[in-house]
């Protein structure tokens, strides 16, 4: 399963929820330097989805705010329901 996210680096607090152009918004405190914001976004997304970080991998967008993240099939049991709730937040 692939998830499109929009990363907002330099936020006052880490937060996952809401939509931006159909993408899930992940705000992180880390700045976009040397991949710190990307890694923080992946950790925050894993926590909110209830999966381990190792089940997520970056498919596209290493240097962009818009990213595509793949979730291993083993961990993607009921993620569609969780994603709908997060996008509506």
C-alpha atoms as a PDB file:
ATOM      1  CA  UNK A   1       0.000   0.000   0.000  1.00  0.00           C
ATOM      2  CA  UNK A   2       1.333   3.452  -0.902  1.00  0.00           C
ATOM      3  CA  UNK A   3       0.542   6.610   1.071  1.00  0.00           C
ATOM      4  CA  UNK A   4       1.056  10.107  -0.293  1.00  0.00           C
ATOM      5  CA  UNK A   5       2.191  12.566   2.377  1.00  0.00           C
ATOM      6  CA  UNK A   6       3.045  16.268   2.553  1.00  0.00           C
ATOM      7  CA  UNK A   7       5.841  17.023   5.040  1.00  0.00           C
ATOM      8  CA  UNK A   8       5.913  20.370   6.842  1.00  0.00           C
ATOM      9  CA  UNK A   9       9.364  20.729   8.415  1.00  0.00           C
ATOM     10  CA  UNK A  10      10.123  23.203  11.201  1.00  0.00           C
ATOM     11  CA  UNK A  11       6.718  22.951  12.880  1.00  0.00           C
ATOM     12  CA  UNK A  12       6.289  23.863  16.538  1.00  0.00           C
ATOM     13  CA  UNK A  13       5.265  20.267  17.284  1.00  0.00           C
ATOM     14  CA  UNK A  14       5.073  16.956  15.483  1.00  0.00           C
ATOM     15  CA  UNK A  15       1.559  16.222  14.256  1.00  0.00           C
ATOM     16  CA  UNK A  16      -0.040  13.883  11.716  1.00  0.00           C
ATOM     17  CA  UNK A  17      -3.443  14.701  10.297  1.00  0.00           C
ATOM     18  CA  UNK A  18      -5.311  16.785   7.800  1.00  0.00           C
ATOM     19  CA  UNK A  19      -5.093  16.927   4.065  1.00  0.00           C
ATOM     20  CA  UNK A  20      -3.200  19.026   1.556  1.00  0.00           C
ATOM     21  CA  UNK A  21      -4.125  18.347  -2.048  1.00  0.00           C
ATOM     22  CA  UNK A  22      -5.312  14.847  -1.163  1.00  0.00           C
ATOM     23  CA  UNK A  23      -2.095  14.038   0.720  1.00  0.00           C
ATOM     24  CA  UNK A  24      -1.804  13.300   4.424  1.00  0.00           C
ATOM     25  CA  UNK A  25      -0.036  16.152   6.241  1.00  0.00           C
ATOM     26  CA  UNK A  26       2.878  15.259   8.533  1.00  0.00           C
ATOM     27  CA  UNK A  27       4.280  18.257  10.435  1.00  0.00           C
ATOM     28  CA  UNK A  28       7.638  17.687  12.127  1.00  0.00           C
ATOM     29  CA  UNK A  29       9.896  19.825  14.302  1.00  0.00           C
ATOM     30  CA  UNK A  30      13.092  18.887  12.488  1.00  0.00           C
ATOM     31  CA  UNK A  31      14.408  21.085   9.695  1.00  0.00           C
ATOM     32  CA  UNK A  32      14.851  19.808   6.158  1.00  0.00           C
ATOM     33  CA  UNK A  33      18.602  19.260   6.516  1.00  0.00           C
ATOM     34  CA  UNK A  34      20.353  15.992   5.585  1.00  0.00           C
ATOM     35  CA  UNK A  35      17.084  14.040   5.550  1.00  0.00           C
ATOM     36  CA  UNK A  36      16.225  14.762   9.204  1.00  0.00           C
ATOM     37  CA  UNK A  37      12.694  15.947   8.397  1.00  0.00           C
ATOM     38  CA  UNK A  38      12.038  12.931   6.167  1.00  0.00           C
ATOM     39  CA  UNK A  39      13.152  10.464   8.823  1.00  0.00           C
ATOM     40  CA  UNK A  40      11.125  12.268  11.498  1.00  0.00           C
ATOM     41  CA  UNK A  41       8.065  12.174   9.230  1.00  0.00           C
ATOM     42  CA  UNK A  42       8.460   8.438   8.655  1.00  0.00           C
ATOM     43  CA  UNK A  43       8.800   7.816  12.411  1.00  0.00           C
ATOM     44  CA  UNK A  44       5.724   9.941  13.167  1.00  0.00           C
ATOM     45  CA  UNK A  45       3.704   8.229  10.444  1.00  0.00           C
ATOM     46  CA  UNK A  46       4.677   4.777  11.709  1.00  0.00           C
ATOM     47  CA  UNK A  47       3.662   5.697  15.247  1.00  0.00           C
ATOM     48  CA  UNK A  48       0.289   7.067  14.217  1.00  0.00           C
ATOM     49  CA  UNK A  49      -0.474   4.089  11.967  1.00  0.00           C
ATOM     50  CA  UNK A  50       0.543   1.617  14.652  1.00  0.00           C
ATOM     51  CA  UNK A  51       3.268  -0.057  12.618  1.00  0.00           C
ATOM     52  CA  UNK A  52       7.010  -0.329  13.121  1.00  0.00           C
ATOM     53  CA  UNK A  53       9.249   2.121  11.291  1.00  0.00           C
ATOM     54  CA  UNK A  54      10.897  -0.743   9.410  1.00  0.00           C
ATOM     55  CA  UNK A  55       7.558  -1.477   7.684  1.00  0.00           C
ATOM     56  CA  UNK A  56       7.673   1.916   5.951  1.00  0.00           C
ATOM     57  CA  UNK A  57       9.917   2.790   3.040  1.00  0.00           C
ATOM     58  CA  UNK A  58      10.286   5.944   1.005  1.00  0.00           C
ATOM     59  CA  UNK A  59       9.288   5.334  -2.612  1.00  0.00           C
ATOM     60  CA  UNK A  60       9.549   8.851  -4.011  1.00  0.00           C
ATOM     61  CA  UNK A  61      10.327  12.388  -2.848  1.00  0.00           C
ATOM     62  CA  UNK A  62      13.541  12.210  -0.823  1.00  0.00           C
ATOM     63  CA  UNK A  63      14.221  15.924  -1.346  1.00  0.00           C
ATOM     64  CA  UNK A  64      10.636  17.102  -1.828  1.00  0.00           C
ATOM     65  CA  UNK A  65       7.902  17.994   0.652  1.00  0.00           C
ATOM     66  CA  UNK A  66       5.563  15.683  -1.270  1.00  0.00           C
ATOM     67  CA  UNK A  67       6.511  12.070  -0.684  1.00  0.00           C
ATOM     68  CA  UNK A  68       5.183   8.602  -1.393  1.00  0.00           C
ATOM     69  CA  UNK A  69       5.645   6.048   1.380  1.00  0.00           C
ATOM     70  CA  UNK A  70       5.127   2.305   0.957  1.00  0.00           C
ATOM     71  CA  UNK A  71       3.753   0.193   3.796  1.00  0.00           C
ATOM     72  CA  UNK A  72       4.611  -3.523   3.817  1.00  0.00           C
ATOM     73  CA  UNK A  73       1.633  -5.736   3.055  1.00  0.00           C
ATOM     74  CA  UNK A  74       2.071  -7.544   6.365  1.00  0.00           C
ATOM     75  CA  UNK A  75       1.508  -4.327   8.301  1.00  0.00           C
ATOM     76  CA  UNK A  76      -1.263  -2.901   6.085  1.00  0.00           C
ATOM     77  CA  UNK A  77      -4.199  -4.830   7.568  1.00  0.00           C
ATOM     78  CA  UNK A  78      -6.610  -2.027   8.506  1.00  0.00           C
ATOM     79  CA  UNK A  79      -4.641   1.030   7.413  1.00  0.00           C
ATOM     80  CA  UNK A  80      -7.307   2.316   5.032  1.00  0.00           C
ATOM     81  CA  UNK A  81      -9.650   3.017   7.932  1.00  0.00           C
ATOM     82  CA  UNK A  82      -6.912   4.782   9.925  1.00  0.00           C
ATOM     83  CA  UNK A  83      -5.866   6.850   6.902  1.00  0.00           C
ATOM     84  CA  UNK A  84      -9.432   8.015   6.247  1.00  0.00           C
ATOM     85  CA  UNK A  85      -9.709   9.168   9.854  1.00  0.00           C
ATOM     86  CA  UNK A  86      -6.375  11.023   9.695  1.00  0.00           C
ATOM     87  CA  UNK A  87      -7.239  12.751   6.420  1.00  0.00           C
ATOM     88  CA  UNK A  88     -10.547  13.926   7.872  1.00  0.00           C
ATOM     89  CA  UNK A  89      -8.803  15.340  10.963  1.00  0.00           C
END
